[in-house]
Structure formats: structure tokens, C-alpha cells
Amino acid sequence: MRIEFASDGVTLVGDLRVPSGDGPFPALVFTGPFTGVRDQVTGLYAERLTAEGYVTLAFDHRNWGESGGQPRNHEDVQGKLHDLRAAVSSLRARPDVDGSRIGAVGICLGGGYALKFAAFDPRVRTFVGIAGAYNNPYGMRAGMDYQSALASFTEVLERQDQGGQVEYLPAVAQEGEAAMPGDEPYAYYGSTASPAWENRVTRASIRELVTMDNMMGADFLSPKPALIVHGVIDRFCSPEGAEEAFKRLDEPKKLVWLDARKHIDLYDGEPYVTQAVEATAAFLREHL
């Protein structure tokens, strides 16, 4: 069912799925890929995990999809964490949800958000990251001219601060400039059937990606259980990043490697989605 709830006064829109049978049920809140909306990756995983006996809430974060917020298509790091908090509050208000059994599931960029959120919200009992991006400034600095990049993003923000229009670039493109350039992102988003997804993102969003520290959640999650599911080859969310997050986690924890060769294999490709769902459901049966 379509639901609405508020986060910092912003109206968020989500899809709530409830298993058949008598509740209350354990519940899962989802957060997903950069630029993604709820009827894409998070909706697919939510549907599959509802079939495993969980109430699920996949929603559009502020500034994206059907949810409110300005500027449109802008990555708001703190705002997304606030949205997850409000989503859990919404779930816990429902009589069909067991408010003491709530987990956070993140896919792609959402893996890092779910990790940091779960680490600092005592209402969340467990964390699952699938093909996760566990961003931290140290890793980003190692792969670019960091100060030059920060200077270019600050120029954009200064123009906007001085009254200029919000600046955008394509989210994906087979050729030319894009936030996620190349064939692989375009293969998924370029063919998406979602009417709520737009092929654009604010230029300032890239600054958020290179300055956020979601990896730190791994240092603070304990004693909550953690599952990381990742493909052995992933050009967009590195296996090395998944390994670092796993090493920084304390027990109980589990790392599951899937023989996926593309990042987007874990978006909607088979048998990888089924394998990820099965690993997640098995882990949650034990720890949630």
C-alpha cells in the first residue's frame, strides 16, 4: 500500500508491504542506490523479503521520486539519515509491526546509509548491506585530486549561494559527462520503467558522495548483527570496500560473496537477487 509520512516537515512517499497471516511481524526499512526511487531496486528486495515474513517499507528519500524536498534530485546526506529515522518511527506506530524487531537493509549507496543509521539508532536491531558502497573521505581522497575536486564543487555552490540556478548533470550516460558514466549504469537506469526516476542529479550531490563518512558506522554497530552480501567483481562499489567494512565490524557478523560480475547484477539479475534474498532471509531468521 502507498503511505505517506513526514521527516523534518517534508512529506515522504513509500510502499508498505505486509505479509499474509497474523502479526505483529518483524519489519525492515530500505534505502537504495544513488538516484534510485522506490519502485526500482529497493522495491524489488522489499517485495521478495515480504514473502519471507517481514513488513517492509521502501520509500523515496527527500528530493527524489514522489517525495517532497528541494532542490530536486539532490543527495542530502543528513537528510537521508533523518528520513530513515522517520521511516522507523512510522513502522513502530503500526499494530501489525513488532517494534522491537526492526532491521535496516541497504543496497548500493544505501548500504552505507543503512550501516551508519543502524549504528546510531537503538531501535534498529540488525543491519544488512547488499552490493554496498561504504563511502569514506579517506578512500575517496586516495582516488582523485581531492582538493581540486572540492574546489570545483565549492564554485558550484557559491554560484547557487549568490542566486544562481541549481546546477545539474545527467545521472547516467553511455558517453560524455554523467554522475555515473558508462555502459553498466546506463544499462539499468537507461532502460528503467519507473515514471518517477529522472536522469539528472545536482552537481553538488557529487560533493556529498566524496565527503560523507558512512564507513564509520562499522566502528559503532556492535553488538548488533551485521550481514554484508557483495559480488566478487564490482567496478562501482568495490569488494575492497565491503572487506574493509566487514573487518571493522565486531561479531556477530557474516560476509557472503556472490559470483556476480557486475554491480547491477545485484539490482535485478538472476540468480544473484535470489541468492542475496536467501542469504538475507537466513540471516534475519537467526538475528531478528
Protein backbone atom coordinates (compact mmCIF):
# COMPACT_ATOMS: atom_id res chain seq x y z
CA MET A 1 0.00 0.00 0.00
CA ARG A 2 1.09 3.56 -0.66
CA ILE A 3 1.77 5.50 2.52
CA GLU A 4 2.96 8.98 3.42
CA PHE A 5 4.91 10.10 6.47
CA ALA A 6 6.81 13.22 7.47
CA SER A 7 10.52 13.77 8.01
CA ASP A 8 11.58 17.23 9.22
CA GLY A 9 8.34 18.58 7.78
CA VAL A 10 8.98 17.01 4.35
CA THR A 11 6.35 14.57 3.07
CA LEU A 12 7.86 11.23 2.09
CA VAL A 13 6.07 8.62 -0.01
CA GLY A 14 6.63 4.90 0.44
CA ASP A 15 5.28 1.45 -0.34
CA LEU A 16 4.38 -0.62 2.70
CA ARG A 17 4.12 -4.36 2.24
CA VAL A 18 2.63 -6.63 4.88
CA PRO A 19 2.85 -10.45 4.86
CA SER A 20 -0.25 -12.58 4.96
CA GLY A 21 -1.17 -14.06 8.31
CA ASP A 22 -1.43 -12.75 11.82
CA GLY A 23 1.02 -10.17 13.08
CA PRO A 24 2.72 -8.40 14.58
CA PHE A 25 5.64 -9.05 12.22
CA PRO A 26 9.29 -8.03 12.26
CA ALA A 27 9.92 -5.13 9.91
CA LEU A 28 12.59 -3.89 7.51
CA VAL A 29 13.31 -0.39 6.30
CA PHE A 30 15.11 0.01 2.94
CA THR A 31 17.42 2.55 1.41
CA GLY A 32 18.92 2.14 -2.02
CA PRO A 33 21.16 3.25 -4.86
CA PHE A 34 22.28 6.78 -5.69
CA THR A 35 19.46 8.48 -7.66
CA GLY A 36 17.21 5.44 -7.15
CA VAL A 37 13.50 5.50 -6.36
CA ARG A 38 11.35 3.01 -4.52
CA ASP A 39 9.89 1.07 -7.45
CA GLN A 40 13.37 0.09 -8.62
CA VAL A 41 15.89 -1.86 -6.53
CA THR A 42 14.53 -1.31 -3.04
CA GLY A 43 11.02 -2.21 -4.14
CA LEU A 44 12.20 -5.47 -5.64
CA TYR A 45 14.03 -6.53 -2.48
CA ALA A 46 11.17 -5.35 -0.29
CA GLU A 47 8.69 -7.46 -2.23
CA ARG A 48 10.88 -10.54 -2.02
CA LEU A 49 11.52 -10.15 1.72
CA THR A 50 7.86 -9.53 2.49
CA ALA A 51 7.30 -13.01 1.07
CA GLU A 52 9.76 -14.22 3.73
CA GLY A 53 7.55 -12.85 6.51
CA TYR A 54 8.64 -9.25 7.03
CA VAL A 55 6.74 -6.00 6.90
CA THR A 56 8.80 -3.87 4.52
CA LEU A 57 8.96 -0.16 3.82
CA ALA A 58 10.66 1.04 0.63
CA PHE A 59 10.31 4.79 0.18
CA ASP A 60 11.55 7.74 -1.83
CA HIS A 61 14.02 9.82 0.14
CA ARG A 62 13.56 13.58 0.28
CA ASN A 63 14.27 15.32 -3.02
CA TRP A 64 13.73 12.12 -5.02
CA GLY A 65 10.82 10.38 -6.70
CA GLU A 66 7.36 11.24 -5.37
CA SER A 67 8.64 12.61 -2.06
CA GLY A 68 8.90 16.31 -1.33
CA GLY A 69 12.02 18.33 -0.74
CA GLN A 70 14.22 20.82 -2.56
CA PRO A 71 16.34 21.02 -4.56
CA ARG A 72 15.07 18.13 -6.62
CA ASN A 73 17.39 15.19 -7.28
CA HIS A 74 19.87 16.31 -4.66
CA GLU A 75 21.76 13.96 -2.35
CA ASP A 76 21.14 15.15 1.22
CA VAL A 77 23.36 13.02 3.45
CA GLN A 78 22.00 14.06 6.83
CA GLY A 79 18.50 14.30 5.41
CA LYS A 80 18.58 10.67 4.32
CA LEU A 81 19.54 9.57 7.83
CA HIS A 82 16.66 11.64 9.20
CA ASP A 83 14.35 10.02 6.64
CA LEU A 84 15.35 6.56 7.85
CA ARG A 85 14.66 7.61 11.43
CA ALA A 86 11.20 8.84 10.46
CA ALA A 87 10.54 5.64 8.49
CA VAL A 88 11.28 3.52 11.56
CA SER A 89 9.03 5.75 13.66
CA SER A 90 6.26 5.20 11.12
CA LEU A 91 6.74 1.44 11.23
CA ARG A 92 6.74 1.31 15.02
CA ALA A 93 3.41 3.12 15.15
CA ARG A 94 1.70 0.27 13.30
CA PRO A 95 -0.10 -2.51 15.21
CA ASP A 96 1.00 -5.11 12.63
CA VAL A 97 4.70 -4.37 13.32
CA ASP A 98 6.71 -5.77 16.20
CA GLY A 99 8.52 -2.56 17.12
CA SER A 100 11.24 -4.45 18.97
CA ARG A 101 12.28 -6.32 15.79
CA ILE A 102 13.30 -3.84 13.10
CA GLY A 103 16.20 -4.16 10.68
CA ALA A 104 17.81 -1.80 8.16
CA VAL A 105 18.61 -3.06 4.65
CA GLY A 106 20.69 -1.01 2.23
CA ILE A 107 21.61 -1.69 -1.38
CA CYS A 108 24.43 0.11 -3.22
CA LEU A 109 24.85 3.61 -1.73
CA GLY A 110 22.10 2.67 0.68
CA GLY A 111 24.39 0.06 2.19
CA GLY A 112 26.49 2.78 3.75
CA TYR A 113 23.47 4.78 4.86
CA ALA A 114 21.84 1.72 6.44
CA LEU A 115 25.09 0.88 8.23
CA LYS A 116 25.53 4.34 9.74
CA PHE A 117 21.85 4.63 10.60
CA ALA A 118 21.70 1.24 12.30
CA ALA A 119 24.85 2.02 14.28
CA PHE A 120 23.34 5.09 15.94
CA ASP A 121 19.64 4.24 16.26
CA PRO A 122 18.96 1.88 19.19
CA ARG A 123 15.58 0.90 17.75
CA VAL A 124 17.28 -0.94 14.88
CA ARG A 125 18.39 -4.46 15.79
CA THR A 126 20.31 -5.60 12.72
CA PHE A 127 21.95 -4.38 9.51
CA VAL A 128 22.14 -5.88 6.00
CA GLY A 129 24.20 -4.37 3.18
CA ILE A 130 23.87 -5.70 -0.38
CA ALA A 131 26.39 -4.58 -3.04
CA GLY A 132 27.05 -1.74 -0.64
CA ALA A 133 29.01 1.48 -1.09
CA TYR A 134 30.65 2.23 2.25
CA ASN A 135 31.91 5.71 1.41
CA ASN A 136 34.53 7.47 3.46
CA PRO A 137 36.67 10.55 2.65
CA TYR A 138 39.94 8.66 3.09
CA GLY A 139 39.07 6.23 0.32
CA MET A 140 37.80 8.98 -1.93
CA ARG A 141 40.90 11.11 -1.37
CA ALA A 142 43.12 8.25 -2.46
CA GLY A 143 41.45 8.02 -5.87
CA MET A 144 41.34 11.65 -7.04
CA ASP A 145 42.84 15.11 -6.82
CA TYR A 146 40.76 15.72 -3.75
CA GLN A 147 41.40 19.42 -3.17
CA SER A 148 40.82 20.24 -6.82
CA ALA A 149 37.55 18.34 -6.77
CA LEU A 150 36.41 20.13 -3.62
CA ALA A 151 37.27 23.49 -5.20
CA SER A 152 35.18 22.76 -8.28
CA PHE A 153 32.17 21.72 -6.20
CA THR A 154 32.53 24.78 -3.99
CA GLU A 155 32.44 27.01 -7.07
CA VAL A 156 29.10 25.45 -8.00
CA LEU A 157 27.72 26.01 -4.52
CA GLU A 158 28.98 29.59 -4.42
CA ARG A 159 27.17 30.40 -7.66
CA GLN A 160 24.00 28.95 -6.18
CA ASP A 161 24.51 30.79 -2.88
CA GLN A 162 24.73 34.02 -4.86
CA GLY A 163 21.37 33.44 -6.51
CA GLY A 164 22.26 31.23 -9.45
CA GLN A 165 20.16 28.31 -10.62
CA VAL A 166 20.72 24.84 -9.19
CA GLU A 167 23.17 23.11 -11.49
CA TYR A 168 22.52 19.60 -12.79
CA LEU A 169 24.25 16.91 -14.81
CA PRO A 170 22.92 13.62 -16.18
CA ALA A 171 22.74 10.78 -13.70
CA VAL A 172 23.81 8.26 -16.37
CA ALA A 173 25.12 8.43 -19.92
CA GLN A 174 26.75 5.97 -22.27
CA GLU A 175 29.17 8.68 -23.37
CA GLY A 176 30.08 12.10 -22.05
CA GLU A 177 29.65 13.65 -18.64
CA ALA A 178 27.44 11.99 -16.07
CA ALA A 179 27.40 11.31 -12.35
CA MET A 180 27.55 7.59 -13.17
CA PRO A 181 29.10 7.33 -16.65
CA GLY A 182 29.47 4.20 -18.73
CA ASP A 183 27.57 1.27 -20.11
CA GLU A 184 26.76 -0.52 -16.88
CA PRO A 185 24.78 2.22 -15.06
CA TYR A 186 23.11 3.14 -18.34
CA ALA A 187 22.11 -0.47 -18.92
CA TYR A 188 19.99 -0.34 -15.78
CA TYR A 189 18.80 3.25 -15.47
CA GLY A 190 18.65 3.93 -19.19
CA SER A 191 16.03 1.23 -19.52
CA THR A 192 14.20 1.78 -16.23
CA ALA A 193 10.45 1.67 -16.44
CA SER A 194 9.99 3.88 -13.38
CA PRO A 195 7.96 7.02 -14.18
CA ALA A 196 9.34 8.67 -11.02
CA TRP A 197 13.03 8.40 -11.92
CA GLU A 198 14.73 11.32 -13.67
CA ASN A 199 18.06 11.20 -15.47
CA ARG A 200 19.56 14.14 -13.63
CA VAL A 201 21.27 14.92 -10.34
CA THR A 202 22.59 18.12 -8.80
CA ARG A 203 26.29 18.76 -9.31
CA ALA A 204 26.53 19.44 -5.59
CA SER A 205 25.46 15.84 -4.94
CA ILE A 206 28.88 14.63 -6.05
CA ARG A 207 30.45 16.67 -3.26
CA GLU A 208 28.22 14.82 -0.81
CA LEU A 209 29.40 11.47 -2.15
CA VAL A 210 33.09 12.30 -1.75
CA THR A 211 32.82 13.87 1.70
CA MET A 212 30.35 11.55 3.50
CA ASP A 213 31.67 9.03 6.01
CA ASN A 214 29.26 6.12 6.23
CA MET A 215 32.06 3.59 6.81
CA MET A 216 32.34 4.85 10.39
CA GLY A 217 29.11 3.01 11.13
CA ALA A 218 31.11 -0.22 11.12
CA ASP A 219 33.05 1.01 14.16
CA PHE A 220 29.89 1.67 16.18
CA LEU A 221 27.38 -1.02 15.12
CA SER A 222 28.40 -3.61 17.73
CA PRO A 223 26.81 -5.55 19.34
CA LYS A 224 24.18 -5.54 16.60
CA PRO A 225 24.46 -8.32 13.98
CA ALA A 226 25.65 -7.40 10.50
CA LEU A 227 25.41 -9.14 7.12
CA ILE A 228 27.32 -7.97 4.06
CA VAL A 229 26.46 -9.51 0.67
CA HIS A 230 28.68 -8.49 -2.23
CA GLY A 231 29.70 -9.52 -5.73
CA VAL A 232 33.24 -10.76 -6.30
CA ILE A 233 33.65 -8.24 -9.15
CA ASP A 234 32.13 -4.79 -8.78
CA ARG A 235 33.50 -1.72 -10.58
CA PHE A 236 31.21 0.73 -8.78
CA CYS A 237 31.05 -0.46 -5.17
CA SER A 238 34.38 -2.11 -4.61
CA PRO A 239 34.77 -5.52 -2.98
CA GLU A 240 37.68 -3.96 -1.09
CA GLY A 241 35.26 -1.51 0.50
CA ALA A 242 33.00 -4.37 1.58
CA GLU A 243 36.01 -6.17 3.03
CA GLU A 244 37.09 -3.08 4.97
CA ALA A 245 33.61 -2.61 6.42
CA PHE A 246 33.49 -6.26 7.41
CA LYS A 247 36.90 -6.11 9.10
CA ARG A 248 35.87 -3.06 11.11
CA LEU A 249 32.67 -4.74 12.31
CA ASP A 250 32.61 -6.77 15.51
CA GLU A 251 30.81 -10.07 15.92
CA PRO A 252 28.20 -11.22 15.19
CA LYS A 253 28.86 -10.65 11.50
CA LYS A 254 28.76 -12.53 8.22
CA LEU A 255 30.17 -11.84 4.75
CA VAL A 256 28.63 -13.60 1.74
CA TRP A 257 30.39 -13.42 -1.64
CA LEU A 258 28.29 -13.96 -4.75
CA ASP A 259 29.77 -14.83 -8.13
CA ALA A 260 28.38 -11.66 -9.70
CA ARG A 261 30.49 -9.88 -12.32
CA LYS A 262 28.63 -6.56 -12.50
CA HIS A 263 27.38 -4.22 -9.83
CA ILE A 264 23.92 -4.15 -11.37
CA ASP A 265 23.71 -7.96 -11.24
CA LEU A 266 22.54 -7.43 -7.67
CA TYR A 267 19.93 -4.89 -8.76
CA ASP A 268 17.70 -7.19 -10.75
CA GLY A 269 19.82 -10.01 -12.19
CA GLU A 270 19.28 -13.67 -11.54
CA PRO A 271 20.35 -15.86 -9.84
CA TYR A 272 22.05 -13.10 -7.86
CA VAL A 273 18.98 -11.37 -6.42
CA THR A 274 17.56 -14.69 -5.29
CA GLN A 275 20.88 -15.62 -3.71
CA ALA A 276 21.06 -12.28 -1.91
CA VAL A 277 17.47 -12.60 -0.67
CA GLU A 278 18.07 -16.15 0.55
CA ALA A 279 21.22 -15.12 2.41
CA THR A 280 19.40 -12.15 3.94
CA ALA A 281 16.35 -14.15 4.98
CA ALA A 282 18.51 -16.85 6.58
CA PHE A 283 20.49 -14.23 8.50
CA LEU A 284 17.39 -12.39 9.66
CA ARG A 285 15.72 -15.59 10.86
CA GLU A 286 18.67 -16.06 13.18
CA HIS A 287 19.24 -12.47 14.28
CA LEU A 288 15.92 -10.62 14.04
